[in-house]
Amino acid sequence: MNQWPGVKLRVIESWDEDNSHENNSLHYEGRAVDITTSDCDRSKYGMLARLAVESGFDWVYYKSRAHIHCSVKSDAMHPTHISGCFTPESTVITESGATKLMSDLRIGDRVLSMSEKGEPVYSEVILFMDRNMEQVQDFVKIGTEDGAVLTVTPAHLILTWNPKKGLMDYVFAEDIEENDFVLVKDAHGSLSPQRVVKLSAVVRKGVVAPLTAEGTIVVNSVAASCYAIVKSQSLAHWSMAPVRVIAKLESWLSSKSNAVSSTQSNEIATPKLDTTQQQNGVHWYAKMLYTLKDYVVPRSWRYQ
């Protein structure tokens, strides 16, 4: 009322009892609304979204260019996760060509990723920045024209393609709009642009955030960053340089140890401890970076 005298708030979707939304939609729980202004002036929607945030909605994003989607957390919902993750049932492609569930992924696995030049490469998983099979979390579900579907947390960085400028850029998942382009693995094994045709908000149980040496990963055939929270792939990748160095050193020491062991026929092999299974929560190094970002990263670069 103060921003636009005479203009009213128009609610086009709220609680749904007709099953017109997809499974797990927050509309079925009475926790979501789709809104516009009464004059349907799309130039006002950016400010409308900011007003919705200020009014107390927990999550606000452009579900399409036609309206703003707003939702609130359940009273029973776990606290909002601070990192960017995929769902446990999401899949990756290993170097052998096999498909593997994110929940089954292990440190040392080599999975399909993307190089700095935008080419498909296989990269080693060096750690998990987050892994929690019990965490209940809001996700963005992104669907492309050829049927690829990626479910990811709102603060995760997704690679997009601008056909007019011929440029690739990383944006937060919640900022992706219909008719944007993401890179998807095609039948020839290349990563090619596909149009986003559907966006929705869903709730899932479990979060997994693997980090590869390349800092990218192809999940459910869609190219994505391994990073979140900070809107800069290069800065995020640079900040993880110490753990990449440690991972390379550990790999080198392991190979040397195996070489020595193979020359000693009487030596008994010691089972390697699977630290992946032990981890439950955010990795200590990632947690430290999430804390530091508030002091060293410009606010305009951070996920709000």
Protein backbone atom coordinates (compact mmCIF):
# COMPACT_ATOMS: atom_id res chain seq x y z
CA MET A 1 0.00 0.00 0.00
CA ASN A 2 2.84 2.40 0.79
CA GLN A 3 4.91 1.40 -2.24
CA TRP A 4 2.14 1.62 -4.85
CA PRO A 5 -0.99 3.53 -3.68
CA GLY A 6 -4.09 2.09 -5.34
CA VAL A 7 -2.37 -1.16 -6.33
CA LYS A 8 -3.46 -4.30 -4.48
CA LEU A 9 -1.79 -7.63 -3.79
CA ARG A 10 -3.11 -10.37 -6.08
CA VAL A 11 -2.85 -13.99 -4.82
CA ILE A 12 -3.19 -16.46 -7.69
CA GLU A 13 -2.33 -19.68 -5.79
CA SER A 14 -2.37 -20.59 -2.11
CA TRP A 15 -3.54 -23.75 -0.34
CA ASP A 16 -4.31 -26.48 -2.88
CA GLU A 17 -6.74 -29.33 -2.34
CA ASP A 18 -7.22 -30.25 -6.00
CA ASN A 19 -3.83 -31.93 -6.55
CA SER A 20 -2.94 -29.47 -9.29
CA HIS A 21 0.66 -29.23 -8.09
CA GLU A 22 3.40 -31.84 -8.08
CA ASN A 23 4.04 -34.19 -5.17
CA ASN A 24 5.58 -32.59 -2.07
CA SER A 25 4.48 -29.10 -3.13
CA LEU A 26 4.31 -26.70 -0.21
CA HIS A 27 0.91 -25.58 -1.51
CA TYR A 28 -0.56 -28.80 -0.09
CA GLU A 29 0.65 -27.82 3.38
CA GLY A 30 -0.68 -24.29 3.21
CA ARG A 31 2.87 -22.92 3.36
CA ALA A 32 3.13 -21.33 -0.08
CA VAL A 33 1.51 -18.59 -2.15
CA ASP A 34 2.02 -17.28 -5.69
CA ILE A 35 1.51 -13.53 -5.93
CA THR A 36 1.47 -10.62 -8.38
CA THR A 37 0.32 -7.01 -8.24
CA SER A 38 -3.29 -6.29 -9.18
CA ASP A 39 -2.20 -4.40 -12.29
CA CYS A 40 0.03 -7.34 -13.39
CA ASP A 41 2.87 -4.93 -14.07
CA ARG A 42 5.92 -7.21 -14.27
CA SER A 43 8.29 -4.27 -13.78
CA LYS A 44 7.06 -4.19 -10.17
CA TYR A 45 7.79 -7.86 -9.44
CA GLY A 46 11.41 -7.31 -8.40
CA MET A 47 10.32 -4.87 -5.70
CA LEU A 48 7.38 -7.14 -4.84
CA ALA A 49 9.82 -9.95 -4.11
CA ARG A 50 11.88 -7.72 -1.83
CA LEU A 51 8.72 -6.62 -0.01
CA ALA A 52 7.79 -10.29 0.48
CA VAL A 53 11.19 -10.97 2.06
CA GLU A 54 10.79 -7.98 4.37
CA SER A 55 7.32 -9.15 5.37
CA GLY A 56 8.74 -12.38 6.77
CA PHE A 57 8.54 -15.09 4.09
CA ASP A 58 11.38 -17.59 4.50
CA TRP A 59 11.84 -18.19 0.80
CA VAL A 60 10.98 -15.95 -2.15
CA TYR A 61 11.86 -16.51 -5.80
CA TYR A 62 10.66 -16.02 -9.37
CA LYS A 63 8.86 -19.28 -10.12
CA SER A 64 8.18 -17.83 -13.55
CA ARG A 65 8.16 -14.35 -15.05
CA ALA A 66 4.41 -14.30 -14.45
CA HIS A 67 4.46 -14.35 -10.63
CA ILE A 68 6.46 -14.49 -7.39
CA HIS A 69 6.51 -17.68 -5.32
CA CYS A 70 6.68 -17.27 -1.51
CA SER A 71 6.79 -19.91 1.20
CA VAL A 72 7.37 -20.32 4.91
CA LYS A 73 9.06 -23.05 6.91
CA SER A 74 7.06 -25.49 8.95
CA ASP A 75 7.28 -25.11 12.72
CA ALA A 76 8.65 -28.66 12.73
CA MET A 77 11.18 -27.95 10.00
CA HIS A 78 14.85 -28.27 10.80
CA PRO A 79 16.85 -25.02 10.72
CA THR A 80 17.71 -23.81 7.22
CA HIS A 81 20.91 -25.42 6.00
CA ILE A 82 23.78 -23.00 5.40
CA SER A 83 25.45 -24.91 2.57
CA GLY A 84 24.58 -25.98 -0.94
CA CYS A 85 23.70 -29.61 -1.51
CA PHE A 86 22.07 -32.24 -3.70
CA THR A 87 19.56 -34.88 -2.67
CA PRO A 88 20.83 -38.39 -1.77
CA GLU A 89 18.83 -39.92 -4.65
CA SER A 90 20.51 -37.66 -7.23
CA THR A 91 22.91 -39.49 -9.54
CA VAL A 92 26.39 -39.00 -10.98
CA ILE A 93 28.31 -40.83 -13.70
CA THR A 94 31.56 -42.55 -12.75
CA GLU A 95 34.62 -42.95 -14.98
CA SER A 96 33.56 -46.54 -15.72
CA GLY A 97 30.32 -45.21 -17.20
CA ALA A 98 28.17 -46.49 -14.35
CA THR A 99 25.47 -44.39 -12.70
CA LYS A 100 25.87 -43.95 -8.96
CA LEU A 101 23.56 -42.52 -6.31
CA MET A 102 24.87 -39.46 -4.50
CA SER A 103 24.30 -41.30 -1.21
CA ASP A 104 26.68 -44.08 -2.36
CA LEU A 105 29.43 -41.72 -3.51
CA ARG A 106 32.81 -42.15 -1.82
CA ILE A 107 36.01 -40.15 -1.54
CA GLY A 108 38.30 -41.22 -4.37
CA ASP A 109 35.49 -41.89 -6.86
CA ARG A 110 36.08 -40.24 -10.23
CA VAL A 111 32.89 -38.68 -11.56
CA LEU A 112 31.80 -36.70 -14.58
CA SER A 113 32.56 -33.01 -14.10
CA MET A 114 33.28 -29.99 -16.28
CA SER A 115 36.59 -28.29 -17.06
CA GLU A 116 37.16 -24.52 -17.10
CA LYS A 117 36.65 -24.65 -20.87
CA GLY A 118 33.21 -26.21 -20.47
CA GLU A 119 34.32 -29.66 -21.58
CA PRO A 120 33.27 -32.91 -19.85
CA VAL A 121 36.07 -34.43 -17.75
CA TYR A 122 36.30 -36.95 -14.94
CA SER A 123 37.42 -35.57 -11.60
CA GLU A 124 38.15 -37.17 -8.23
CA VAL A 125 35.90 -36.61 -5.22
CA ILE A 126 38.33 -35.28 -2.58
CA LEU A 127 35.92 -34.64 0.31
CA PHE A 128 32.31 -33.95 1.26
CA MET A 129 31.63 -30.37 2.26
CA ASP A 130 28.34 -31.57 3.71
CA ARG A 131 26.71 -34.95 4.18
CA ASN A 132 23.65 -35.54 6.34
CA MET A 133 21.08 -38.20 5.53
CA GLU A 134 18.61 -36.95 8.18
CA GLN A 135 18.54 -33.22 7.33
CA VAL A 136 15.15 -32.04 6.02
CA GLN A 137 15.63 -29.21 3.56
CA ASP A 138 13.92 -27.00 0.98
CA PHE A 139 15.14 -27.57 -2.57
CA VAL A 140 14.70 -26.03 -6.00
CA LYS A 141 13.63 -28.52 -8.66
CA ILE A 142 14.82 -27.51 -12.15
CA GLY A 143 13.42 -29.26 -15.23
CA THR A 144 14.71 -28.86 -18.80
CA GLU A 145 13.00 -29.25 -22.17
CA ASP A 146 14.50 -32.71 -22.79
CA GLY A 147 13.54 -34.09 -19.38
CA ALA A 148 16.64 -33.55 -17.24
CA VAL A 149 15.69 -32.74 -13.63
CA LEU A 150 18.07 -31.34 -11.03
CA THR A 151 17.02 -30.97 -7.38
CA VAL A 152 19.36 -28.69 -5.46
CA THR A 153 19.36 -26.27 -2.53
CA PRO A 154 18.54 -22.62 -3.38
CA ALA A 155 22.02 -21.29 -2.54
CA HIS A 156 23.85 -23.75 -4.82
CA LEU A 157 25.67 -22.39 -7.89
CA ILE A 158 24.37 -23.65 -11.24
CA LEU A 159 26.05 -23.01 -14.57
CA THR A 160 23.87 -21.10 -17.04
CA TRP A 161 24.35 -20.18 -20.69
CA ASN A 162 23.44 -16.80 -22.19
CA PRO A 163 22.78 -17.42 -25.92
CA LYS A 164 22.73 -13.70 -26.77
CA LYS A 165 26.13 -12.99 -25.22
CA GLY A 166 27.55 -16.46 -25.80
CA LEU A 167 28.75 -16.54 -22.19
CA MET A 168 28.53 -18.99 -19.30
CA ASP A 169 27.87 -17.79 -15.78
CA TYR A 170 27.20 -19.30 -12.37
CA VAL A 171 24.03 -18.19 -10.57
CA PHE A 172 22.24 -19.28 -7.41
CA ALA A 173 19.71 -22.03 -8.10
CA GLU A 174 16.85 -19.93 -6.75
CA ASP A 175 17.66 -17.17 -9.29
CA ILE A 176 17.19 -19.43 -12.31
CA GLU A 177 14.06 -18.60 -14.30
CA GLU A 178 12.04 -20.38 -16.95
CA ASN A 179 13.62 -20.03 -20.43
CA ASP A 180 17.10 -19.74 -18.96
CA PHE A 181 19.62 -22.25 -20.32
CA VAL A 182 21.63 -24.80 -18.32
CA LEU A 183 24.26 -27.23 -19.61
CA VAL A 184 23.12 -30.85 -19.90
CA LYS A 185 24.99 -33.99 -20.95
CA ASP A 186 23.61 -35.00 -24.34
CA ALA A 187 23.53 -38.32 -26.23
CA HIS A 188 27.01 -37.63 -27.65
CA GLY A 189 28.56 -37.10 -24.23
CA SER A 190 28.95 -33.36 -24.67
CA LEU A 191 27.54 -30.64 -22.42
CA SER A 192 25.04 -28.65 -24.45
CA PRO A 193 22.55 -25.88 -23.51
CA GLN A 194 18.96 -26.87 -22.70
CA ARG A 195 16.11 -24.54 -21.90
CA VAL A 196 14.60 -24.56 -18.41
CA VAL A 197 10.86 -25.21 -18.75
CA LYS A 198 9.79 -25.95 -15.18
CA LEU A 199 10.69 -24.76 -11.71
CA SER A 200 9.22 -25.81 -8.39
CA ALA A 201 9.93 -25.82 -4.65
CA VAL A 202 10.10 -29.19 -2.91
CA VAL A 203 11.09 -30.60 0.46
CA ARG A 204 13.44 -33.60 0.66
CA LYS A 205 15.27 -35.54 3.35
CA GLY A 206 19.03 -35.80 3.15
CA VAL A 207 21.77 -33.53 1.80
CA VAL A 208 25.02 -34.44 0.05
CA ALA A 209 27.68 -31.97 -1.18
CA PRO A 210 30.73 -33.64 -2.76
CA LEU A 211 33.78 -31.60 -3.74
CA THR A 212 35.72 -32.66 -6.82
CA ALA A 213 39.20 -31.51 -7.77
CA GLU A 214 37.67 -29.54 -10.67
CA GLY A 215 35.14 -27.82 -8.39
CA THR A 216 32.29 -28.89 -10.70
CA ILE A 217 30.10 -31.96 -11.02
CA VAL A 218 27.44 -33.25 -13.41
CA VAL A 219 24.38 -34.34 -11.42
CA ASN A 220 21.33 -35.91 -13.07
CA SER A 221 23.05 -34.93 -16.36
CA VAL A 222 23.07 -31.20 -15.43
CA ALA A 223 26.37 -29.35 -14.98
CA ALA A 224 26.67 -27.70 -11.57
CA SER A 225 29.27 -26.17 -9.31
CA CYS A 226 30.39 -27.93 -6.15
CA TYR A 227 30.05 -24.59 -4.36
CA ALA A 228 27.33 -22.43 -2.87
CA ILE A 229 26.65 -19.36 -0.70
CA VAL A 230 29.17 -17.11 -2.56
CA LYS A 231 28.31 -16.01 -6.10
CA SER A 232 31.78 -16.53 -7.52
CA GLN A 233 32.97 -19.88 -8.80
CA SER A 234 36.58 -18.67 -9.06
CA LEU A 235 36.67 -17.28 -5.51
CA ALA A 236 35.05 -20.40 -4.06
CA HIS A 237 37.45 -22.67 -5.96
CA TRP A 238 40.46 -20.60 -4.86
CA SER A 239 39.37 -20.78 -1.22
CA MET A 240 39.41 -24.60 -1.38
CA ALA A 241 42.99 -24.73 -2.73
CA PRO A 242 44.46 -25.95 0.60
CA VAL A 243 42.25 -29.04 0.70
CA ARG A 244 43.08 -29.81 -2.93
CA VAL A 245 46.79 -29.67 -2.11
CA ILE A 246 46.27 -31.95 0.91
CA ALA A 247 44.23 -34.38 -1.21
CA LYS A 248 47.01 -34.58 -3.82
CA LEU A 249 49.62 -35.12 -1.11
CA GLU A 250 47.55 -37.89 0.48
CA SER A 251 47.07 -39.52 -2.91
CA TRP A 252 50.83 -39.40 -3.57
CA LEU A 253 51.67 -40.83 -0.15
CA SER A 254 49.08 -43.56 -0.61
CA SER A 255 50.53 -44.57 -3.97
CA LYS A 256 54.05 -44.67 -2.48
CA SER A 257 52.80 -46.76 0.44
CA ASN A 258 51.08 -49.20 -1.91
CA ALA A 259 54.25 -49.52 -3.96
CA VAL A 260 56.30 -50.37 -0.88
CA SER A 261 53.67 -52.82 0.37
CA SER A 262 53.60 -54.67 -2.94
CA THR A 263 57.33 -55.49 -2.58
CA GLN A 264 56.82 -56.99 0.84
CA SER A 265 54.94 -60.23 0.33
CA ASN A 266 54.68 -60.97 4.03
CA GLU A 267 53.01 -57.66 4.90
CA ILE A 268 49.36 -57.80 5.92
CA ALA A 269 47.09 -55.18 4.30
CA THR A 270 45.30 -52.90 6.72
CA PRO A 271 41.70 -52.01 5.83
CA LYS A 272 41.26 -48.34 4.96
CA LEU A 273 38.83 -46.45 7.15
CA ASP A 274 35.85 -45.06 5.23
CA THR A 275 35.62 -41.51 6.59
CA THR A 276 32.67 -40.78 4.31
CA GLN A 277 30.42 -43.02 6.37
CA GLN A 278 31.55 -41.33 9.56
CA GLN A 279 30.85 -37.76 8.42
CA ASN A 280 27.53 -36.33 9.51
CA GLY A 281 27.24 -32.61 8.88
CA VAL A 282 29.30 -29.80 7.40
CA HIS A 283 33.04 -30.42 6.93
CA TRP A 284 35.13 -28.38 9.41
CA TYR A 285 37.00 -26.49 6.66
CA ALA A 286 33.79 -25.57 4.83
CA LYS A 287 32.23 -24.50 8.12
CA MET A 288 35.18 -22.19 8.76
CA LEU A 289 34.83 -20.60 5.31
CA TYR A 290 31.09 -20.07 5.80
CA THR A 291 31.92 -18.12 8.95
CA LEU A 292 34.72 -16.07 7.37
CA LYS A 293 32.62 -15.07 4.35
CA ASP A 294 30.59 -12.60 6.45
CA TYR A 295 33.78 -10.65 7.16
CA VAL A 296 35.76 -10.86 3.91
CA VAL A 297 33.23 -11.31 1.08
CA PRO A 298 31.19 -8.30 -0.17
CA ARG A 299 27.53 -8.57 0.78
CA SER A 300 26.50 -8.34 -2.88
CA TRP A 301 28.39 -11.59 -3.55
CA ARG A 302 26.78 -13.53 -0.72
CA TYR A 303 23.59 -15.54 -0.72
CA GLN A 304 20.98 -13.59 1.24
